[in-house]
Amino acid sequence: AKVVAHALQEAGMEVIYTGLHQSVEAIVQTAIQEDVDVIGLSIMTGGHIPICRKLMRLLKEKGADDKVVVVGGVIPRKDFPALQELGVEGIFPGGTPLEETVRFIQERCGKGPGG
């Protein structure tokens, strides 16, 4: 997660890194307080579907479901459709080049290179 955060900062984005082992509630609260465009989760435990389901539900309840949600980590390809159905827009399993993640976020936020 720190490597991705650093790559995003190097690309000129403001990154609010909340640290490891944050609750979904804390992530949503921080996202709303900081008025973020993107919420990125790094999930290495295999709990990506229930975590993302809870995140998306809380964002909707708080009226903040306009946020782009991306997830990375240990995510089997067979789980991509379920995550997309929940509303996760970007899925980056381990080994995804950092440039791909950066480019995706730039494009989704309308802030491509030089933008």
PDB file of N, CA and C in Angstrom:
ATOM      1  N   ALA A   1       0.821  -1.196   0.000  1.00  0.00           N
ATOM      2  CA  ALA A   1       0.000   0.000   0.000  1.00  0.00           C
ATOM      3  C   ALA A   1       0.865   1.261   0.000  1.00  0.00           C
ATOM      4  N   LYS A   2       1.939   1.237   0.780  1.00  0.00           N
ATOM      5  CA  LYS A   2       2.804   2.421   0.832  1.00  0.00           C
ATOM      6  C   LYS A   2       3.478   2.670  -0.511  1.00  0.00           C
ATOM      7  N   VAL A   3       3.836   1.612  -1.218  1.00  0.00           N
ATOM      8  CA  VAL A   3       4.477   1.759  -2.526  1.00  0.00           C
ATOM      9  C   VAL A   3       3.504   2.399  -3.514  1.00  0.00           C
ATOM     10  N   VAL A   4       2.262   1.973  -3.493  1.00  0.00           N
ATOM     11  CA  VAL A   4       1.250   2.552  -4.377  1.00  0.00           C
ATOM     12  C   VAL A   4       1.006   4.010  -3.993  1.00  0.00           C
ATOM     13  N   ALA A   5       0.883   4.287  -2.702  1.00  0.00           N
ATOM     14  CA  ALA A   5       0.679   5.666  -2.241  1.00  0.00           C
ATOM     15  C   ALA A   5       1.817   6.562  -2.718  1.00  0.00           C
ATOM     16  N   HIS A   6       3.037   6.076  -2.628  1.00  0.00           N
ATOM     17  CA  HIS A   6       4.193   6.861  -3.067  1.00  0.00           C
ATOM     18  C   HIS A   6       4.136   7.099  -4.580  1.00  0.00           C
ATOM     19  N   ALA A   7       3.775   6.087  -5.345  1.00  0.00           N
ATOM     20  CA  ALA A   7       3.672   6.241  -6.802  1.00  0.00           C
ATOM     21  C   ALA A   7       2.615   7.278  -7.167  1.00  0.00           C
ATOM     22  N   LEU A   8       1.510   7.288  -6.453  1.00  0.00           N
ATOM     23  CA  LEU A   8       0.455   8.270  -6.712  1.00  0.00           C
ATOM     24  C   LEU A   8       0.931   9.678  -6.359  1.00  0.00           C
ATOM     25  N   GLN A   9       1.658   9.810  -5.255  1.00  0.00           N
ATOM     26  CA  GLN A   9       2.219  11.112  -4.878  1.00  0.00           C
ATOM     27  C   GLN A   9       3.212  11.587  -5.928  1.00  0.00           C
ATOM     28  N   GLU A  10       4.047  10.686  -6.410  1.00  0.00           N
ATOM     29  CA  GLU A  10       5.026  11.033  -7.443  1.00  0.00           C
ATOM     30  C   GLU A  10       4.335  11.506  -8.718  1.00  0.00           C
ATOM     31  N   ALA A  11       3.115  11.022  -8.952  1.00  0.00           N
ATOM     32  CA  ALA A  11       2.341  11.424 -10.128  1.00  0.00           C
ATOM     33  C   ALA A  11       1.586  12.729  -9.882  1.00  0.00           C
ATOM     34  N   GLY A  12       1.791  13.338  -8.707  1.00  0.00           N
ATOM     35  CA  GLY A  12       1.198  14.635  -8.421  1.00  0.00           C
ATOM     36  C   GLY A  12      -0.129  14.598  -7.696  1.00  0.00           C
ATOM     37  N   MET A  13      -0.510  13.452  -7.190  1.00  0.00           N
ATOM     38  CA  MET A  13      -1.780  13.346  -6.475  1.00  0.00           C
ATOM     39  C   MET A  13      -1.570  13.520  -4.980  1.00  0.00           C
ATOM     40  N   GLU A  14      -2.575  14.096  -4.338  1.00  0.00           N
ATOM     41  CA  GLU A  14      -2.561  14.161  -2.877  1.00  0.00           C
ATOM     42  C   GLU A  14      -3.052  12.818  -2.360  1.00  0.00           C
ATOM     43  N   VAL A  15      -2.310  12.229  -1.457  1.00  0.00           N
ATOM     44  CA  VAL A  15      -2.656  10.914  -0.922  1.00  0.00           C
ATOM     45  C   VAL A  15      -2.817  11.018   0.586  1.00  0.00           C
ATOM     46  N   ILE A  16      -3.916  10.481   1.080  1.00  0.00           N
ATOM     47  CA  ILE A  16      -4.143  10.403   2.519  1.00  0.00           C
ATOM     48  C   ILE A  16      -4.030   8.926   2.875  1.00  0.00           C
ATOM     49  N   TYR A  17      -2.915   8.565   3.461  1.00  0.00           N
ATOM     50  CA  TYR A  17      -2.646   7.167   3.805  1.00  0.00           C
ATOM     51  C   TYR A  17      -3.078   6.945   5.248  1.00  0.00           C
ATOM     52  N   THR A  18      -4.087   6.109   5.442  1.00  0.00           N
ATOM     53  CA  THR A  18      -4.634   5.918   6.790  1.00  0.00           C
ATOM     54  C   THR A  18      -3.918   4.832   7.575  1.00  0.00           C
ATOM     55  N   GLY A  19      -3.037   4.093   6.928  1.00  0.00           N
ATOM     56  CA  GLY A  19      -2.304   3.047   7.632  1.00  0.00           C
ATOM     57  C   GLY A  19      -2.981   1.696   7.524  1.00  0.00           C
ATOM     58  N   LEU A  20      -2.349   0.735   8.142  1.00  0.00           N
ATOM     59  CA  LEU A  20      -2.831  -0.642   8.078  1.00  0.00           C
ATOM     60  C   LEU A  20      -3.956  -0.902   9.071  1.00  0.00           C
ATOM     61  N   HIS A  21      -4.751  -1.898   8.756  1.00  0.00           N
ATOM     62  CA  HIS A  21      -5.763  -2.442   9.667  1.00  0.00           C
ATOM     63  C   HIS A  21      -6.804  -1.406  10.108  1.00  0.00           C
ATOM     64  N   GLN A  22      -7.241  -0.571   9.193  1.00  0.00           N
ATOM     65  CA  GLN A  22      -8.290   0.399   9.498  1.00  0.00           C
ATOM     66  C   GLN A  22      -9.658  -0.250   9.315  1.00  0.00           C
ATOM     67  N   SER A  23     -10.608   0.152  10.117  1.00  0.00           N
ATOM     68  CA  SER A  23     -11.968  -0.354   9.946  1.00  0.00           C
ATOM     69  C   SER A  23     -12.598   0.319   8.730  1.00  0.00           C
ATOM     70  N   VAL A  24     -13.579  -0.356   8.169  1.00  0.00           N
ATOM     71  CA  VAL A  24     -14.297   0.220   7.030  1.00  0.00           C
ATOM     72  C   VAL A  24     -14.943   1.536   7.450  1.00  0.00           C
ATOM     73  N   GLU A  25     -15.474   1.581   8.656  1.00  0.00           N
ATOM     74  CA  GLU A  25     -16.105   2.813   9.147  1.00  0.00           C
ATOM     75  C   GLU A  25     -15.102   3.963   9.186  1.00  0.00           C
ATOM     76  N   ALA A  26     -13.896   3.700   9.651  1.00  0.00           N
ATOM     77  CA  ALA A  26     -12.866   4.744   9.722  1.00  0.00           C
ATOM     78  C   ALA A  26     -12.462   5.208   8.328  1.00  0.00           C
ATOM     79  N   ILE A  27     -12.386   4.285   7.392  1.00  0.00           N
ATOM     80  CA  ILE A  27     -12.027   4.640   6.013  1.00  0.00           C
ATOM     81  C   ILE A  27     -13.095   5.545   5.409  1.00  0.00           C
ATOM     82  N   VAL A  28     -14.354   5.183   5.589  1.00  0.00           N
ATOM     83  CA  VAL A  28     -15.451   5.996   5.048  1.00  0.00           C
ATOM     84  C   VAL A  28     -15.459   7.375   5.699  1.00  0.00           C
ATOM     85  N   GLN A  29     -15.287   7.426   7.011  1.00  0.00           N
ATOM     86  CA  GLN A  29     -15.274   8.708   7.717  1.00  0.00           C
ATOM     87  C   GLN A  29     -14.149   9.606   7.196  1.00  0.00           C
ATOM     88  N   THR A  30     -12.962   9.051   7.037  1.00  0.00           N
ATOM     89  CA  THR A  30     -11.833   9.832   6.527  1.00  0.00           C
ATOM     90  C   THR A  30     -12.102  10.294   5.104  1.00  0.00           C
ATOM     91  N   ALA A  31     -12.638   9.418   4.274  1.00  0.00           N
ATOM     92  CA  ALA A  31     -12.926   9.770   2.881  1.00  0.00           C
ATOM     93  C   ALA A  31     -13.901  10.936   2.795  1.00  0.00           C
ATOM     94  N   ILE A  32     -14.896  10.937   3.654  1.00  0.00           N
ATOM     95  CA  ILE A  32     -15.884  12.020   3.657  1.00  0.00           C
ATOM     96  C   ILE A  32     -15.268  13.300   4.209  1.00  0.00           C
ATOM     97  N   GLN A  33     -14.561  13.203   5.323  1.00  0.00           N
ATOM     98  CA  GLN A  33     -13.937  14.390   5.931  1.00  0.00           C
ATOM     99  C   GLN A  33     -12.952  15.060   4.985  1.00  0.00           C
ATOM    100  N   GLU A  34     -12.181  14.260   4.268  1.00  0.00           N
ATOM    101  CA  GLU A  34     -11.139  14.790   3.388  1.00  0.00           C
ATOM    102  C   GLU A  34     -11.647  15.058   1.975  1.00  0.00           C
ATOM    103  N   ASP A  35     -12.913  14.720   1.708  1.00  0.00           N
ATOM    104  CA  ASP A  35     -13.535  14.924   0.399  1.00  0.00           C
ATOM    105  C   ASP A  35     -12.683  14.332  -0.726  1.00  0.00           C
ATOM    106  N   VAL A  36     -12.338  13.066  -0.577  1.00  0.00           N
ATOM    107  CA  VAL A  36     -11.483  12.401  -1.557  1.00  0.00           C
ATOM    108  C   VAL A  36     -12.251  12.065  -2.833  1.00  0.00           C
ATOM    109  N   ASP A  37     -11.505  11.897  -3.904  1.00  0.00           N
ATOM    110  CA  ASP A  37     -12.079  11.447  -5.172  1.00  0.00           C
ATOM    111  C   ASP A  37     -12.060   9.926  -5.277  1.00  0.00           C
ATOM    112  N   VAL A  38     -11.031   9.316  -4.677  1.00  0.00           N
ATOM    113  CA  VAL A  38     -10.797   7.879  -4.816  1.00  0.00           C
ATOM    114  C   VAL A  38     -10.526   7.266  -3.447  1.00  0.00           C
ATOM    115  N   ILE A  39     -11.078   6.087  -3.233  1.00  0.00           N
ATOM    116  CA  ILE A  39     -10.746   5.286  -2.058  1.00  0.00           C
ATOM    117  C   ILE A  39     -10.037   4.043  -2.575  1.00  0.00           C
ATOM    118  N   GLY A  40      -8.823   3.832  -2.102  1.00  0.00           N
ATOM    119  CA  GLY A  40      -8.061   2.659  -2.498  1.00  0.00           C
ATOM    120  C   GLY A  40      -7.826   1.750  -1.309  1.00  0.00           C
ATOM    121  N   LEU A  41      -8.132   0.486  -1.493  1.00  0.00           N
ATOM    122  CA  LEU A  41      -7.931  -0.504  -0.442  1.00  0.00           C
ATOM    123  C   LEU A  41      -6.879  -1.508  -0.883  1.00  0.00           C
ATOM    124  N   SER A  42      -6.015  -1.878   0.029  1.00  0.00           N
ATOM    125  CA  SER A  42      -5.071  -2.963  -0.195  1.00  0.00           C
ATOM    126  C   SER A  42      -5.475  -4.091   0.736  1.00  0.00           C
ATOM    127  N   ILE A  43      -5.920  -5.192   0.151  1.00  0.00           N
ATOM    128  CA  ILE A  43      -6.449  -6.291   0.954  1.00  0.00           C
ATOM    129  C   ILE A  43      -5.652  -7.554   0.646  1.00  0.00           C
ATOM    130  N   MET A  44      -4.944  -8.022   1.650  1.00  0.00           N
ATOM    131  CA  MET A  44      -4.084  -9.188   1.476  1.00  0.00           C
ATOM    132  C   MET A  44      -4.643 -10.424   2.180  1.00  0.00           C
ATOM    133  N   THR A  45      -5.807 -10.296   2.802  1.00  0.00           N
ATOM    134  CA  THR A  45      -6.334 -11.359   3.656  1.00  0.00           C
ATOM    135  C   THR A  45      -7.340 -12.271   2.974  1.00  0.00           C
ATOM    136  N   GLY A  46      -7.756 -11.932   1.764  1.00  0.00           N
ATOM    137  CA  GLY A  46      -8.779 -12.727   1.104  1.00  0.00           C
ATOM    138  C   GLY A  46     -10.187 -12.299   1.458  1.00  0.00           C
ATOM    139  N   GLY A  47     -10.332 -11.249   2.248  1.00  0.00           N
ATOM    140  CA  GLY A  47     -11.657 -10.783   2.644  1.00  0.00           C
ATOM    141  C   GLY A  47     -12.178  -9.653   1.780  1.00  0.00           C
ATOM    142  N   HIS A  48     -11.709  -9.561   0.548  1.00  0.00           N
ATOM    143  CA  HIS A  48     -12.027  -8.411  -0.300  1.00  0.00           C
ATOM    144  C   HIS A  48     -13.516  -8.257  -0.605  1.00  0.00           C
ATOM    145  N   ILE A  49     -14.236  -9.342  -0.816  1.00  0.00           N
ATOM    146  CA  ILE A  49     -15.657  -9.204  -1.159  1.00  0.00           C
ATOM    147  C   ILE A  49     -16.467  -8.685   0.031  1.00  0.00           C
ATOM    148  N   PRO A  50     -16.395  -9.283   1.223  1.00  0.00           N
ATOM    149  CA  PRO A  50     -17.180  -8.721   2.334  1.00  0.00           C
ATOM    150  C   PRO A  50     -16.732  -7.317   2.732  1.00  0.00           C
ATOM    151  N   ILE A  51     -15.446  -7.038   2.652  1.00  0.00           N
ATOM    152  CA  ILE A  51     -14.962  -5.694   2.992  1.00  0.00           C
ATOM    153  C   ILE A  51     -15.508  -4.677   1.999  1.00  0.00           C
ATOM    154  N   CYS A  52     -15.434  -4.988   0.714  1.00  0.00           N
ATOM    155  CA  CYS A  52     -15.929  -4.051  -0.298  1.00  0.00           C
ATOM    156  C   CYS A  52     -17.444  -3.915  -0.232  1.00  0.00           C
ATOM    157  N   ARG A  53     -18.143  -5.009   0.068  1.00  0.00           N
ATOM    158  CA  ARG A  53     -19.603  -4.940   0.212  1.00  0.00           C
ATOM    159  C   ARG A  53     -19.966  -3.959   1.328  1.00  0.00           C
ATOM    160  N   LYS A  54     -19.285  -4.064   2.459  1.00  0.00           N
ATOM    161  CA  LYS A  54     -19.552  -3.173   3.593  1.00  0.00           C
ATOM    162  C   LYS A  54     -19.177  -1.731   3.249  1.00  0.00           C
ATOM    163  N   LEU A  55     -18.033  -1.547   2.601  1.00  0.00           N
ATOM    164  CA  LEU A  55     -17.594  -0.204   2.215  1.00  0.00           C
ATOM    165  C   LEU A  55     -18.624   0.463   1.306  1.00  0.00           C
ATOM    166  N   MET A  56     -19.056  -0.245   0.286  1.00  0.00           N
ATOM    167  CA  MET A  56     -20.002   0.337  -0.667  1.00  0.00           C
ATOM    168  C   MET A  56     -21.341   0.651   0.012  1.00  0.00           C
ATOM    169  N   ARG A  57     -21.779  -0.222   0.926  1.00  0.00           N
ATOM    170  CA  ARG A  57     -23.033   0.026   1.647  1.00  0.00           C
ATOM    171  C   ARG A  57     -22.921   1.285   2.504  1.00  0.00           C
ATOM    172  N   LEU A  58     -21.806   1.421   3.234  1.00  0.00           N
ATOM    173  CA  LEU A  58     -21.624   2.599   4.088  1.00  0.00           C
ATOM    174  C   LEU A  58     -21.508   3.877   3.265  1.00  0.00           C
ATOM    175  N   LEU A  59     -20.805   3.808   2.147  1.00  0.00           N
ATOM    176  CA  LEU A  59     -20.700   4.995   1.289  1.00  0.00           C
ATOM    177  C   LEU A  59     -22.082   5.430   0.815  1.00  0.00           C
ATOM    178  N   LYS A  60     -22.905   4.468   0.434  1.00  0.00           N
ATOM    179  CA  LYS A  60     -24.261   4.796  -0.025  1.00  0.00           C
ATOM    180  C   LYS A  60     -25.084   5.398   1.113  1.00  0.00           C
ATOM    181  N   GLU A  61     -24.998   4.782   2.296  1.00  0.00           N
ATOM    182  CA  GLU A  61     -25.747   5.286   3.454  1.00  0.00           C
ATOM    183  C   GLU A  61     -25.363   6.720   3.797  1.00  0.00           C
ATOM    184  N   LYS A  62     -24.092   7.063   3.605  1.00  0.00           N
ATOM    185  CA  LYS A  62     -23.588   8.396   3.957  1.00  0.00           C
ATOM    186  C   LYS A  62     -23.697   9.381   2.799  1.00  0.00           C
ATOM    187  N   GLY A  63     -24.280   8.939   1.678  1.00  0.00           N
ATOM    188  CA  GLY A  63     -24.413   9.826   0.521  1.00  0.00           C
ATOM    189  C   GLY A  63     -23.088  10.126  -0.151  1.00  0.00           C
ATOM    190  N   ALA A  64     -22.150   9.205  -0.028  1.00  0.00           N
ATOM    191  CA  ALA A  64     -20.807   9.418  -0.580  1.00  0.00           C
ATOM    192  C   ALA A  64     -20.461   8.358  -1.619  1.00  0.00           C
ATOM    193  N   ASP A  65     -21.478   7.837  -2.282  1.00  0.00           N
ATOM    194  CA  ASP A  65     -21.218   6.767  -3.243  1.00  0.00           C
ATOM    195  C   ASP A  65     -20.767   7.286  -4.605  1.00  0.00           C
ATOM    196  N   ASP A  66     -20.347   8.564  -4.638  1.00  0.00           N
ATOM    197  CA  ASP A  66     -19.757   9.120  -5.858  1.00  0.00           C
ATOM    198  C   ASP A  66     -18.247   8.899  -5.897  1.00  0.00           C
ATOM    199  N   LYS A  67     -17.696   8.321  -4.854  1.00  0.00           N
ATOM    200  CA  LYS A  67     -16.253   8.072  -4.783  1.00  0.00           C
ATOM    201  C   LYS A  67     -15.876   6.907  -5.700  1.00  0.00           C
ATOM    202  N   VAL A  68     -14.745   7.025  -6.359  1.00  0.00           N
ATOM    203  CA  VAL A  68     -14.202   5.912  -7.132  1.00  0.00           C
ATOM    204  C   VAL A  68     -13.530   4.965  -6.139  1.00  0.00           C
ATOM    205  N   VAL A  69     -13.892   3.696  -6.185  1.00  0.00           N
ATOM    206  CA  VAL A  69     -13.302   2.711  -5.281  1.00  0.00           C
ATOM    207  C   VAL A  69     -12.427   1.761  -6.090  1.00  0.00           C
ATOM    208  N   VAL A  70     -11.183   1.617  -5.627  1.00  0.00           N
ATOM    209  CA  VAL A  70     -10.246   0.680  -6.241  1.00  0.00           C
ATOM    210  C   VAL A  70      -9.708  -0.235  -5.149  1.00  0.00           C
ATOM    211  N   VAL A  71      -9.364  -1.438  -5.560  1.00  0.00           N
ATOM    212  CA  VAL A  71      -8.844  -2.408  -4.598  1.00  0.00           C
ATOM    213  C   VAL A  71      -7.679  -3.160  -5.225  1.00  0.00           C
ATOM    214  N   GLY A  72      -6.695  -3.426  -4.390  1.00  0.00           N
ATOM    215  CA  GLY A  72      -5.542  -4.197  -4.835  1.00  0.00           C
ATOM    216  C   GLY A  72      -5.176  -5.221  -3.785  1.00  0.00           C
ATOM    217  N   GLY A  73      -4.294  -6.122  -4.157  1.00  0.00           N
ATOM    218  CA  GLY A  73      -3.835  -7.132  -3.212  1.00  0.00           C
ATOM    219  C   GLY A  73      -4.007  -8.528  -3.762  1.00  0.00           C
ATOM    220  N   VAL A  74      -4.289  -9.452  -2.863  1.00  0.00           N
ATOM    221  CA  VAL A  74      -4.464 -10.852  -3.241  1.00  0.00           C
ATOM    222  C   VAL A  74      -5.919 -11.041  -3.657  1.00  0.00           C
ATOM    223  N   ILE A  75      -6.159 -10.882  -4.961  1.00  0.00           N
ATOM    224  CA  ILE A  75      -7.527 -10.938  -5.470  1.00  0.00           C
ATOM    225  C   ILE A  75      -7.565 -11.877  -6.680  1.00  0.00           C
ATOM    226  N   PRO A  76      -8.190 -13.033  -6.531  1.00  0.00           N
ATOM    227  CA  PRO A  76      -8.287 -13.958  -7.666  1.00  0.00           C
ATOM    228  C   PRO A  76      -9.182 -13.383  -8.767  1.00  0.00           C
ATOM    229  N   ARG A  77      -8.811 -13.644  -9.997  1.00  0.00           N
ATOM    230  CA  ARG A  77      -9.587 -13.143 -11.144  1.00  0.00           C
ATOM    231  C   ARG A  77     -11.049 -13.584 -11.075  1.00  0.00           C
ATOM    232  N   LYS A  78     -11.298 -14.744 -10.502  1.00  0.00           N
ATOM    233  CA  LYS A  78     -12.683 -15.232 -10.419  1.00  0.00           C
ATOM    234  C   LYS A  78     -13.557 -14.314  -9.566  1.00  0.00           C
ATOM    235  N   ASP A  79     -12.945 -13.477  -8.730  1.00  0.00           N
ATOM    236  CA  ASP A  79     -13.712 -12.566  -7.874  1.00  0.00           C
ATOM    237  C   ASP A  79     -13.943 -11.196  -8.514  1.00  0.00           C
ATOM    238  N   PHE A  80     -13.321 -10.929  -9.646  1.00  0.00           N
ATOM    239  CA  PHE A  80     -13.474  -9.621 -10.296  1.00  0.00           C
ATOM    240  C   PHE A  80     -14.941  -9.281 -10.565  1.00  0.00           C
ATOM    241  N   PRO A  81     -15.741 -10.199 -11.174  1.00  0.00           N
ATOM    242  CA  PRO A  81     -17.138  -9.846 -11.458  1.00  0.00           C
ATOM    243  C   PRO A  81     -17.931  -9.467 -10.207  1.00  0.00           C
ATOM    244  N   ALA A  82     -17.723 -10.180  -9.110  1.00  0.00           N
ATOM    245  CA  ALA A  82     -18.451  -9.871  -7.869  1.00  0.00           C
ATOM    246  C   ALA A  82     -18.067  -8.492  -7.357  1.00  0.00           C
ATOM    247  N   LEU A  83     -16.786  -8.150  -7.426  1.00  0.00           N
ATOM    248  CA  LEU A  83     -16.335  -6.827  -6.979  1.00  0.00           C
ATOM    249  C   LEU A  83     -16.898  -5.733  -7.879  1.00  0.00           C
ATOM    250  N   GLN A  84     -16.895  -5.976  -9.183  1.00  0.00           N
ATOM    251  CA  GLN A  84     -17.440  -4.991 -10.117  1.00  0.00           C
ATOM    252  C   GLN A  84     -18.935  -4.800  -9.893  1.00  0.00           C
ATOM    253  N   GLU A  85     -19.633  -5.880  -9.604  1.00  0.00           N
ATOM    254  CA  GLU A  85     -21.068  -5.795  -9.332  1.00  0.00           C
ATOM    255  C   GLU A  85     -21.349  -4.945  -8.092  1.00  0.00           C
ATOM    256  N   LEU A  86     -20.443  -4.989  -7.125  1.00  0.00           N
ATOM    257  CA  LEU A  86     -20.583  -4.169  -5.918  1.00  0.00           C
ATOM    258  C   LEU A  86     -20.337  -2.686  -6.201  1.00  0.00           C
ATOM    259  N   GLY A  87     -19.650  -2.396  -7.318  1.00  0.00           N
ATOM    260  CA  GLY A  87     -19.345  -1.007  -7.650  1.00  0.00           C
ATOM    261  C   GLY A  87     -17.872  -0.661  -7.590  1.00  0.00           C
ATOM    262  N   VAL A  88     -17.024  -1.656  -7.345  1.00  0.00           N
ATOM    263  CA  VAL A  88     -15.583  -1.416  -7.358  1.00  0.00           C
ATOM    264  C   VAL A  88     -15.180  -1.168  -8.808  1.00  0.00           C
ATOM    265  N   GLU A  89     -14.528  -0.032  -9.060  1.00  0.00           N
ATOM    266  CA  GLU A  89     -14.215   0.342 -10.438  1.00  0.00           C
ATOM    267  C   GLU A  89     -12.851  -0.128 -10.900  1.00  0.00           C
ATOM    268  N   GLY A  90     -11.903  -0.230  -9.995  1.00  0.00           N
ATOM    269  CA  GLY A  90     -10.560  -0.651 -10.375  1.00  0.00           C
ATOM    270  C   GLY A  90     -10.104  -1.810  -9.518  1.00  0.00           C
ATOM    271  N   ILE A  91      -9.597  -2.858 -10.160  1.00  0.00           N
ATOM    272  CA  ILE A  91      -9.122  -4.035  -9.441  1.00  0.00           C
ATOM    273  C   ILE A  91      -7.695  -4.300  -9.898  1.00  0.00           C
ATOM    274  N   PHE A  92      -6.777  -4.299  -8.938  1.00  0.00           N
ATOM    275  CA  PHE A  92      -5.356  -4.415  -9.245  1.00  0.00           C
ATOM    276  C   PHE A  92      -4.721  -5.515  -8.398  1.00  0.00           C
ATOM    277  N   PRO A  93      -4.721  -6.751  -8.921  1.00  0.00           N
ATOM    278  CA  PRO A  93      -4.115  -7.840  -8.156  1.00  0.00           C
ATOM    279  C   PRO A  93      -2.609  -7.660  -8.045  1.00  0.00           C
ATOM    280  N   GLY A  94      -2.011  -8.378  -7.115  1.00  0.00           N
ATOM    281  CA  GLY A  94      -0.568  -8.320  -6.932  1.00  0.00           C
ATOM    282  C   GLY A  94       0.151  -8.491  -8.260  1.00  0.00           C
ATOM    283  N   GLY A  95       1.205  -7.720  -8.460  1.00  0.00           N
ATOM    284  CA  GLY A  95       1.969  -7.786  -9.695  1.00  0.00           C
ATOM    285  C   GLY A  95       1.538  -6.791 -10.746  1.00  0.00           C
ATOM    286  N   THR A  96       0.430  -6.078 -10.514  1.00  0.00           N
ATOM    287  CA  THR A  96      -0.003  -5.056 -11.463  1.00  0.00           C
ATOM    288  C   THR A  96       1.033  -3.943 -11.486  1.00  0.00           C
ATOM    289  N   PRO A  97       1.490  -3.529 -12.670  1.00  0.00           N
ATOM    290  CA  PRO A  97       2.457  -2.423 -12.727  1.00  0.00           C
ATOM    291  C   PRO A  97       1.884  -1.156 -12.091  1.00  0.00           C
ATOM    292  N   LEU A  98       2.694  -0.464 -11.311  1.00  0.00           N
ATOM    293  CA  LEU A  98       2.248   0.770 -10.652  1.00  0.00           C
ATOM    294  C   LEU A  98       1.720   1.773 -11.663  1.00  0.00           C
ATOM    295  N   GLU A  99       2.343   1.838 -12.830  1.00  0.00           N
ATOM    296  CA  GLU A  99       1.925   2.799 -13.856  1.00  0.00           C
ATOM    297  C   GLU A  99       0.478   2.559 -14.275  1.00  0.00           C
ATOM    298  N   GLU A 100       0.061   1.303 -14.298  1.00  0.00           N
ATOM    299  CA  GLU A 100      -1.313   0.976 -14.676  1.00  0.00           C
ATOM    300  C   GLU A 100      -2.299   1.518 -13.638  1.00  0.00           C
ATOM    301  N   THR A 101      -1.965   1.360 -12.384  1.00  0.00           N
ATOM    302  CA  THR A 101      -2.814   1.868 -11.309  1.00  0.00           C
ATOM    303  C   THR A 101      -2.888   3.389 -11.359  1.00  0.00           C
ATOM    304  N   VAL A 102      -1.749   4.043 -11.509  1.00  0.00           N
ATOM    305  CA  VAL A 102      -1.699   5.509 -11.577  1.00  0.00           C
ATOM    306  C   VAL A 102      -2.526   6.004 -12.759  1.00  0.00           C
ATOM    307  N   ARG A 103      -2.334   5.404 -13.925  1.00  0.00           N
ATOM    308  CA  ARG A 103      -3.049   5.835 -15.133  1.00  0.00           C
ATOM    309  C   ARG A 103      -4.559   5.669 -14.959  1.00  0.00           C
ATOM    310  N   PHE A 104      -4.977   4.557 -14.374  1.00  0.00           N
ATOM    311  CA  PHE A 104      -6.401   4.316 -14.164  1.00  0.00           C
ATOM    312  C   PHE A 104      -7.011   5.418 -13.302  1.00  0.00           C
ATOM    313  N   ILE A 105      -6.344   5.745 -12.212  1.00  0.00           N
ATOM    314  CA  ILE A 105      -6.875   6.765 -11.302  1.00  0.00           C
ATOM    315  C   ILE A 105      -6.870   8.133 -11.974  1.00  0.00           C
ATOM    316  N   GLN A 106      -5.835   8.452 -12.701  1.00  0.00           N
ATOM    317  CA  GLN A 106      -5.795   9.728 -13.422  1.00  0.00           C
ATOM    318  C   GLN A 106      -6.961   9.827 -14.399  1.00  0.00           C
ATOM    319  N   GLU A 107      -7.201   8.760 -15.133  1.00  0.00           N
ATOM    320  CA  GLU A 107      -8.283   8.766 -16.122  1.00  0.00           C
ATOM    321  C   GLU A 107      -9.652   8.852 -15.461  1.00  0.00           C
ATOM    322  N   ARG A 108      -9.861   8.123 -14.381  1.00  0.00           N
ATOM    323  CA  ARG A 108     -11.163   8.130 -13.707  1.00  0.00           C
ATOM    324  C   ARG A 108     -11.468   9.473 -13.062  1.00  0.00           C
ATOM    325  N   CYS A 109     -10.429  10.189 -12.676  1.00  0.00           N
ATOM    326  CA  CYS A 109     -10.624  11.485 -12.014  1.00  0.00           C
ATOM    327  C   CYS A 109     -10.490  12.648 -12.986  1.00  0.00           C
ATOM    328  N   GLY A 110     -10.320  12.345 -14.272  1.00  0.00           N
ATOM    329  CA  GLY A 110     -10.189  13.408 -15.261  1.00  0.00           C
ATOM    330  C   GLY A 110      -8.920  14.210 -15.101  1.00  0.00           C
ATOM    331  N   LYS A 111      -7.898  13.567 -14.559  1.00  0.00           N
ATOM    332  CA  LYS A 111      -6.640  14.269 -14.307  1.00  0.00           C
ATOM    333  C   LYS A 111      -5.503  13.486 -14.938  1.00  0.00           C
ATOM    334  N   GLY A 112      -5.602  13.288 -16.238  1.00  0.00           N
ATOM    335  CA  GLY A 112      -4.559  12.554 -16.945  1.00  0.00           C
ATOM    336  C   GLY A 112      -3.250  13.290 -16.878  1.00  0.00           C
ATOM    337  N   PRO A 113      -2.209  12.677 -17.408  1.00  0.00           N
ATOM    338  CA  PRO A 113      -0.898  13.323 -17.388  1.00  0.00           C
ATOM    339  C   PRO A 113      -0.980  14.740 -17.928  1.00  0.00           C
ATOM    340  N   GLY A 114      -0.464  15.671 -17.158  1.00  0.00           N
ATOM    341  CA  GLY A 114      -0.491  17.078 -17.553  1.00  0.00           C
ATOM    342  C   GLY A 114      -1.803  17.764 -17.250  1.00  0.00           C
ATOM    343  N   GLY A 115      -2.791  17.009 -16.698  1.00  0.00           N
ATOM    344  CA  GLY A 115      -4.111  17.572 -16.443  1.00  0.00           C
ATOM    345  C   GLY A 115      -4.305  18.010 -15.026  1.00  0.00           C
TER     346      GLY A 115
END
